[in-house]
């Protein structure tokens, strides 16, 4: 090889050495001095917001490089606005992840044309809890039991077409003949609670029991709130006297439908990163999330807020979402008809 050829070879090697070095950047090197933004699909003060802000305060110390984790609220359409943004426009480098409605991953499956994402391509990070929700009515409504809902109309607040607060009562109306009228469009769960205080609505269905305990415990203590039904696949151990929706099912077709609807409760309040985030950074976020779930200071803070911690890891959430997408098409079609 002559001198000119040797120089050309060296120049060629140098030209391709920079990308190789960049690709070899470690997770710790990437996150050192960086900021991670945690987007919350709801307004300040509700359950999703409380969980996410507590997580943000502690998670950074478990991510290699110890980046600062900053919570950012982006509410709208029951968290669908943020979910679409997370999929379509958020940086795909591991500096952004978000929390959205547990129903959101299934919106495309259930026929929501406004859901412009592929839920199977998100990188699920974890959830701080699996969830039991309730239907509840203020005592002033005169509704004391679930059977009363079949005889008397209950006006309830909803937080968007994709939210539990809208989808769950629609399903119950269709399956059990209940008479819940939904006033839709509140930005978040906390806004529904304020609407109840202002006498705009008299109840809420698809209300996380953890949020009831953390934000409206005085209503329970004073007898101002009647819990009518538990909405999940299993009962919450603290409220065995409140009937479970699955125990009232009369036929196998309805059971399949309700299993499909309430499978999302296992997701609790899920966290996910956008598609295409490097696998080592996804794993770092997942590991940091689960480590935070065992952090003594985090647990003390969430206990003080009456927030239950029963963590679900990201891989389990990913598997559950994939399993739901394999559901019987006939059951999915029936559900789509109910939710329209």
Foldseek 3Di string as FASTA:
>chain_A
DDPVVVVVVVVVVVVPVVVVVVVPDDQLNVQAVAEAEEEEAFDPDFDSNVLVVLCQVQLQVLFRNSHRYHYDYDYDQQSLVVQQCLAPPDDQALRYKYWGALLLQCCVLLPNPSNPHNSLQWQWQWAQAQFKWFKKFFVVQVDAAPVVQQVDEFEAEEQHLRHQQNLVVLLCCVQPVGHYHYDYHDRDDVSRVVCCVVVVGGITGNHTPLRCVLPPVVCVVVVRMHTHEIQAPDDDVVCPVHHYPLVPDDDDLSNLLSCLVRLSSRRPTIMTGYGPHDPSSSVSSNVSSVVLSPDPVSVVVCVVSSHDGDMDTRVRVSVSSVVSSVGDVVSSVVSSVSSD
